[in-house]
Amino acid sequence: MIFSRKKQEILDPYTVEQCTSCNASKKRKFAEGDYVFKAIGNCTSCNNGQVTVLKIYGETIK
């Protein structure tokens, strides 16, 4: 039986922030201390909602 070793991929982490009121979203580089549902601050688009971290993911660097 031949086992193949999976090529290691380098990931670039990103954070997606979203407003709870107007659903405006923004993708930015991951910063240390980010976690899902973290409150970031007030929305600059609608000045009404709270911006929270929606998801954190990695994109493969080619």
PDB file of N, CA and C in Angstrom:
ATOM      1  N   MET A   1       0.833  -1.164   0.000  1.00  0.00           N
ATOM      2  CA  MET A   1       0.000   0.000   0.000  1.00  0.00           C
ATOM      3  C   MET A   1       0.890   1.243   0.000  1.00  0.00           C
ATOM      4  N   ILE A   2       0.570   2.183  -0.870  1.00  0.00           N
ATOM      5  CA  ILE A   2       1.368   3.403  -0.987  1.00  0.00           C
ATOM      6  C   ILE A   2       0.600   4.551  -0.350  1.00  0.00           C
ATOM      7  N   PHE A   3       1.285   5.216   0.560  1.00  0.00           N
ATOM      8  CA  PHE A   3       0.674   6.366   1.222  1.00  0.00           C
ATOM      9  C   PHE A   3       1.241   7.635   0.623  1.00  0.00           C
ATOM     10  N   SER A   4       0.371   8.547   0.307  1.00  0.00           N
ATOM     11  CA  SER A   4       0.857   9.824  -0.216  1.00  0.00           C
ATOM     12  C   SER A   4       0.691  10.892   0.857  1.00  0.00           C
ATOM     13  N   ARG A   5       1.655  11.714   0.950  1.00  0.00           N
ATOM     14  CA  ARG A   5       1.624  12.786   1.932  1.00  0.00           C
ATOM     15  C   ARG A   5       0.971  14.009   1.293  1.00  0.00           C
ATOM     16  N   LYS A   6      -0.029  14.570   1.973  1.00  0.00           N
ATOM     17  CA  LYS A   6      -0.722  15.737   1.452  1.00  0.00           C
ATOM     18  C   LYS A   6       0.204  16.950   1.538  1.00  0.00           C
ATOM     19  N   LYS A   7       0.230  17.693   0.462  1.00  0.00           N
ATOM     20  CA  LYS A   7       1.058  18.888   0.401  1.00  0.00           C
ATOM     21  C   LYS A   7       0.533  19.915   1.400  1.00  0.00           C
ATOM     22  N   GLN A   8       1.419  20.451   2.228  1.00  0.00           N
ATOM     23  CA  GLN A   8       0.997  21.445   3.207  1.00  0.00           C
ATOM     24  C   GLN A   8       0.701  22.764   2.512  1.00  0.00           C
ATOM     25  N   GLU A   9      -0.445  23.329   2.860  1.00  0.00           N
ATOM     26  CA  GLU A   9      -0.850  24.603   2.285  1.00  0.00           C
ATOM     27  C   GLU A   9      -0.683  25.704   3.328  1.00  0.00           C
ATOM     28  N   ILE A  10      -0.258  26.860   2.875  1.00  0.00           N
ATOM     29  CA  ILE A  10      -0.118  28.008   3.764  1.00  0.00           C
ATOM     30  C   ILE A  10      -1.405  28.820   3.659  1.00  0.00           C
ATOM     31  N   LEU A  11      -2.012  29.098   4.815  1.00  0.00           N
ATOM     32  CA  LEU A  11      -3.264  29.843   4.848  1.00  0.00           C
ATOM     33  C   LEU A  11      -3.041  31.267   5.332  1.00  0.00           C
ATOM     34  N   ASP A  12      -3.787  32.195   4.737  1.00  0.00           N
ATOM     35  CA  ASP A  12      -3.780  33.591   5.136  1.00  0.00           C
ATOM     36  C   ASP A  12      -5.110  33.849   5.853  1.00  0.00           C
ATOM     37  N   PRO A  13      -5.120  34.108   7.168  1.00  0.00           N
ATOM     38  CA  PRO A  13      -6.379  34.230   7.907  1.00  0.00           C
ATOM     39  C   PRO A  13      -7.074  35.578   7.697  1.00  0.00           C
ATOM     40  N   TYR A  14      -8.406  35.530   7.596  1.00  0.00           N
ATOM     41  CA  TYR A  14      -9.234  36.723   7.431  1.00  0.00           C
ATOM     42  C   TYR A  14     -10.375  36.714   8.436  1.00  0.00           C
ATOM     43  N   THR A  15     -10.884  37.909   8.746  1.00  0.00           N
ATOM     44  CA  THR A  15     -12.030  38.093   9.625  1.00  0.00           C
ATOM     45  C   THR A  15     -13.108  38.832   8.851  1.00  0.00           C
ATOM     46  N   VAL A  16     -14.356  38.373   8.970  1.00  0.00           N
ATOM     47  CA  VAL A  16     -15.490  39.057   8.344  1.00  0.00           C
ATOM     48  C   VAL A  16     -16.314  39.694   9.453  1.00  0.00           C
ATOM     49  N   GLU A  17     -16.525  41.014   9.345  1.00  0.00           N
ATOM     50  CA  GLU A  17     -17.329  41.762  10.302  1.00  0.00           C
ATOM     51  C   GLU A  17     -18.666  42.101   9.654  1.00  0.00           C
ATOM     52  N   GLN A  18     -19.754  42.103  10.447  1.00  0.00           N
ATOM     53  CA  GLN A  18     -21.071  42.431   9.901  1.00  0.00           C
ATOM     54  C   GLN A  18     -21.869  43.251  10.903  1.00  0.00           C
ATOM     55  N   CYS A  19     -22.635  44.226  10.381  1.00  0.00           N
ATOM     56  CA  CYS A  19     -23.508  45.061  11.197  1.00  0.00           C
ATOM     57  C   CYS A  19     -24.790  44.296  11.511  1.00  0.00           C
ATOM     58  N   THR A  20     -25.266  44.391  12.745  1.00  0.00           N
ATOM     59  CA  THR A  20     -26.486  43.689  13.148  1.00  0.00           C
ATOM     60  C   THR A  20     -27.738  44.384  12.633  1.00  0.00           C
ATOM     61  N   SER A  21     -27.640  45.646  12.231  1.00  0.00           N
ATOM     62  CA  SER A  21     -28.800  46.403  11.781  1.00  0.00           C
ATOM     63  C   SER A  21     -28.942  46.415  10.256  1.00  0.00           C
ATOM     64  N   CYS A  22     -27.915  46.893   9.543  1.00  0.00           N
ATOM     65  CA  CYS A  22     -28.009  47.035   8.082  1.00  0.00           C
ATOM     66  C   CYS A  22     -27.346  45.887   7.324  1.00  0.00           C
ATOM     67  N   ASN A  23     -26.728  44.941   8.011  1.00  0.00           N
ATOM     68  CA  ASN A  23     -26.054  43.771   7.432  1.00  0.00           C
ATOM     69  C   ASN A  23     -24.890  44.119   6.500  1.00  0.00           C
ATOM     70  N   ALA A  24     -24.329  45.307   6.638  1.00  0.00           N
ATOM     71  CA  ALA A  24     -23.137  45.667   5.877  1.00  0.00           C
ATOM     72  C   ALA A  24     -21.978  44.822   6.398  1.00  0.00           C
ATOM     73  N   SER A  25     -21.202  44.230   5.474  1.00  0.00           N
ATOM     74  CA  SER A  25     -20.096  43.382   5.909  1.00  0.00           C
ATOM     75  C   SER A  25     -18.777  43.859   5.313  1.00  0.00           C
ATOM     76  N   LYS A  26     -17.693  43.509   6.008  1.00  0.00           N
ATOM     77  CA  LYS A  26     -16.353  43.923   5.589  1.00  0.00           C
ATOM     78  C   LYS A  26     -15.384  42.803   5.909  1.00  0.00           C
ATOM     79  N   LYS A  27     -14.495  42.506   4.966  1.00  0.00           N
ATOM     80  CA  LYS A  27     -13.451  41.497   5.156  1.00  0.00           C
ATOM     81  C   LYS A  27     -12.145  42.231   5.459  1.00  0.00           C
ATOM     82  N   ARG A  28     -11.428  41.729   6.467  1.00  0.00           N
ATOM     83  CA  ARG A  28     -10.127  42.320   6.804  1.00  0.00           C
ATOM     84  C   ARG A  28      -9.184  41.220   7.265  1.00  0.00           C
ATOM     85  N   LYS A  29      -7.914  41.555   7.378  1.00  0.00           N
ATOM     86  CA  LYS A  29      -6.926  40.605   7.886  1.00  0.00           C
ATOM     87  C   LYS A  29      -7.245  40.257   9.333  1.00  0.00           C
ATOM     88  N   PHE A  30      -7.001  39.012   9.705  1.00  0.00           N
ATOM     89  CA  PHE A  30      -7.203  38.551  11.070  1.00  0.00           C
ATOM     90  C   PHE A  30      -6.247  39.280  12.007  1.00  0.00           C
ATOM     91  N   ALA A  31      -6.750  39.684  13.152  1.00  0.00           N
ATOM     92  CA  ALA A  31      -5.918  40.321  14.179  1.00  0.00           C
ATOM     93  C   ALA A  31      -5.943  39.459  15.429  1.00  0.00           C
ATOM     94  N   GLU A  32      -4.841  39.404  16.124  1.00  0.00           N
ATOM     95  CA  GLU A  32      -4.763  38.624  17.358  1.00  0.00           C
ATOM     96  C   GLU A  32      -5.844  39.089  18.325  1.00  0.00           C
ATOM     97  N   GLY A  33      -6.577  38.153  18.894  1.00  0.00           N
ATOM     98  CA  GLY A  33      -7.657  38.484  19.819  1.00  0.00           C
ATOM     99  C   GLY A  33      -9.037  38.447  19.182  1.00  0.00           C
ATOM    100  N   ASP A  34      -9.106  38.276  17.851  1.00  0.00           N
ATOM    101  CA  ASP A  34     -10.404  38.157  17.177  1.00  0.00           C
ATOM    102  C   ASP A  34     -11.057  36.829  17.534  1.00  0.00           C
ATOM    103  N   TYR A  35     -12.367  36.851  17.725  1.00  0.00           N
ATOM    104  CA  TYR A  35     -13.137  35.629  17.926  1.00  0.00           C
ATOM    105  C   TYR A  35     -14.558  35.874  17.413  1.00  0.00           C
ATOM    106  N   VAL A  36     -15.271  34.812  17.072  1.00  0.00           N
ATOM    107  CA  VAL A  36     -16.609  34.915  16.519  1.00  0.00           C
ATOM    108  C   VAL A  36     -17.552  35.521  17.563  1.00  0.00           C
ATOM    109  N   PHE A  37     -18.412  36.425  17.109  1.00  0.00           N
ATOM    110  CA  PHE A  37     -19.394  37.171  17.915  1.00  0.00           C
ATOM    111  C   PHE A  37     -18.769  38.269  18.772  1.00  0.00           C
ATOM    112  N   LYS A  38     -17.500  38.599  18.531  1.00  0.00           N
ATOM    113  CA  LYS A  38     -16.850  39.691  19.254  1.00  0.00           C
ATOM    114  C   LYS A  38     -17.454  41.014  18.779  1.00  0.00           C
ATOM    115  N   ALA A  39     -17.834  41.884  19.710  1.00  0.00           N
ATOM    116  CA  ALA A  39     -18.357  43.206  19.379  1.00  0.00           C
ATOM    117  C   ALA A  39     -17.192  44.124  19.017  1.00  0.00           C
ATOM    118  N   ILE A  40     -17.261  44.720  17.840  1.00  0.00           N
ATOM    119  CA  ILE A  40     -16.180  45.579  17.349  1.00  0.00           C
ATOM    120  C   ILE A  40     -16.463  47.047  17.662  1.00  0.00           C
ATOM    121  N   GLY A  41     -17.704  47.483  17.436  1.00  0.00           N
ATOM    122  CA  GLY A  41     -18.067  48.883  17.670  1.00  0.00           C
ATOM    123  C   GLY A  41     -19.327  49.225  16.903  1.00  0.00           C
ATOM    124  N   ASN A  42     -19.567  50.528  16.729  1.00  0.00           N
ATOM    125  CA  ASN A  42     -20.742  50.978  15.993  1.00  0.00           C
ATOM    126  C   ASN A  42     -20.494  50.960  14.494  1.00  0.00           C
ATOM    127  N   CYS A  43     -21.566  50.752  13.726  1.00  0.00           N
ATOM    128  CA  CYS A  43     -21.493  50.692  12.263  1.00  0.00           C
ATOM    129  C   CYS A  43     -21.263  52.088  11.693  1.00  0.00           C
ATOM    130  N   THR A  44     -20.347  52.211  10.744  1.00  0.00           N
ATOM    131  CA  THR A  44     -20.081  53.496  10.101  1.00  0.00           C
ATOM    132  C   THR A  44     -21.032  53.745   8.936  1.00  0.00           C
ATOM    133  N   SER A  45     -21.709  52.709   8.451  1.00  0.00           N
ATOM    134  CA  SER A  45     -22.642  52.857   7.328  1.00  0.00           C
ATOM    135  C   SER A  45     -23.986  53.424   7.775  1.00  0.00           C
ATOM    136  N   CYS A  46     -24.565  52.836   8.827  1.00  0.00           N
ATOM    137  CA  CYS A  46     -25.906  53.250   9.251  1.00  0.00           C
ATOM    138  C   CYS A  46     -25.902  54.014  10.576  1.00  0.00           C
ATOM    139  N   ASN A  47     -24.786  54.041  11.281  1.00  0.00           N
ATOM    140  CA  ASN A  47     -24.661  54.713  12.583  1.00  0.00           C
ATOM    141  C   ASN A  47     -25.721  54.263  13.591  1.00  0.00           C
ATOM    142  N   ASN A  48     -26.232  53.051  13.404  1.00  0.00           N
ATOM    143  CA  ASN A  48     -27.300  52.573  14.275  1.00  0.00           C
ATOM    144  C   ASN A  48     -26.967  51.210  14.890  1.00  0.00           C
ATOM    145  N   GLY A  49     -26.368  50.323  14.099  1.00  0.00           N
ATOM    146  CA  GLY A  49     -26.144  48.949  14.539  1.00  0.00           C
ATOM    147  C   GLY A  49     -24.795  48.715  15.170  1.00  0.00           C
ATOM    148  N   GLN A  50     -24.647  47.517  15.704  1.00  0.00           N
ATOM    149  CA  GLN A  50     -23.409  47.061  16.327  1.00  0.00           C
ATOM    150  C   GLN A  50     -22.677  46.154  15.341  1.00  0.00           C
ATOM    151  N   VAL A  51     -21.391  46.363  15.150  1.00  0.00           N
ATOM    152  CA  VAL A  51     -20.578  45.527  14.264  1.00  0.00           C
ATOM    153  C   VAL A  51     -19.978  44.393  15.089  1.00  0.00           C
ATOM    154  N   THR A  52     -20.164  43.149  14.618  1.00  0.00           N
ATOM    155  CA  THR A  52     -19.615  41.976  15.294  1.00  0.00           C
ATOM    156  C   THR A  52     -18.853  41.114  14.300  1.00  0.00           C
ATOM    157  N   VAL A  53     -17.976  40.259  14.814  1.00  0.00           N
ATOM    158  CA  VAL A  53     -17.245  39.321  13.972  1.00  0.00           C
ATOM    159  C   VAL A  53     -18.189  38.191  13.592  1.00  0.00           C
ATOM    160  N   LEU A  54     -18.398  37.996  12.289  1.00  0.00           N
ATOM    161  CA  LEU A  54     -19.315  36.982  11.789  1.00  0.00           C
ATOM    162  C   LEU A  54     -18.607  35.649  11.584  1.00  0.00           C
ATOM    163  N   LYS A  55     -17.416  35.679  10.957  1.00  0.00           N
ATOM    164  CA  LYS A  55     -16.669  34.448  10.752  1.00  0.00           C
ATOM    165  C   LYS A  55     -15.185  34.734  10.599  1.00  0.00           C
ATOM    166  N   ILE A  56     -14.396  33.700  10.843  1.00  0.00           N
ATOM    167  CA  ILE A  56     -12.941  33.745  10.675  1.00  0.00           C
ATOM    168  C   ILE A  56     -12.575  32.533   9.823  1.00  0.00           C
ATOM    169  N   TYR A  57     -11.801  32.776   8.762  1.00  0.00           N
ATOM    170  CA  TYR A  57     -11.440  31.695   7.847  1.00  0.00           C
ATOM    171  C   TYR A  57     -10.068  31.954   7.252  1.00  0.00           C
ATOM    172  N   GLY A  58      -9.546  30.965   6.555  1.00  0.00           N
ATOM    173  CA  GLY A  58      -8.250  31.077   5.906  1.00  0.00           C
ATOM    174  C   GLY A  58      -8.353  30.860   4.422  1.00  0.00           C
ATOM    175  N   GLU A  59      -7.611  31.635   3.641  1.00  0.00           N
ATOM    176  CA  GLU A  59      -7.524  31.455   2.190  1.00  0.00           C
ATOM    177  C   GLU A  59      -6.140  30.933   1.868  1.00  0.00           C
ATOM    178  N   THR A  60      -6.070  29.995   0.943  1.00  0.00           N
ATOM    179  CA  THR A  60      -4.817  29.385   0.543  1.00  0.00           C
ATOM    180  C   THR A  60      -3.973  30.383  -0.250  1.00  0.00           C
ATOM    181  N   ILE A  61      -2.698  30.491   0.105  1.00  0.00           N
ATOM    182  CA  ILE A  61      -1.755  31.335  -0.620  1.00  0.00           C
ATOM    183  C   ILE A  61      -1.163  30.480  -1.735  1.00  0.00           C
ATOM    184  N   LYS A  62      -1.208  30.978  -2.939  1.00  0.00           N
ATOM    185  CA  LYS A  62      -0.697  30.219  -4.086  1.00  0.00           C
ATOM    186  C   LYS A  62       0.637  30.704  -4.547  1.00  0.00           C
TER     187      LYS A  62
END
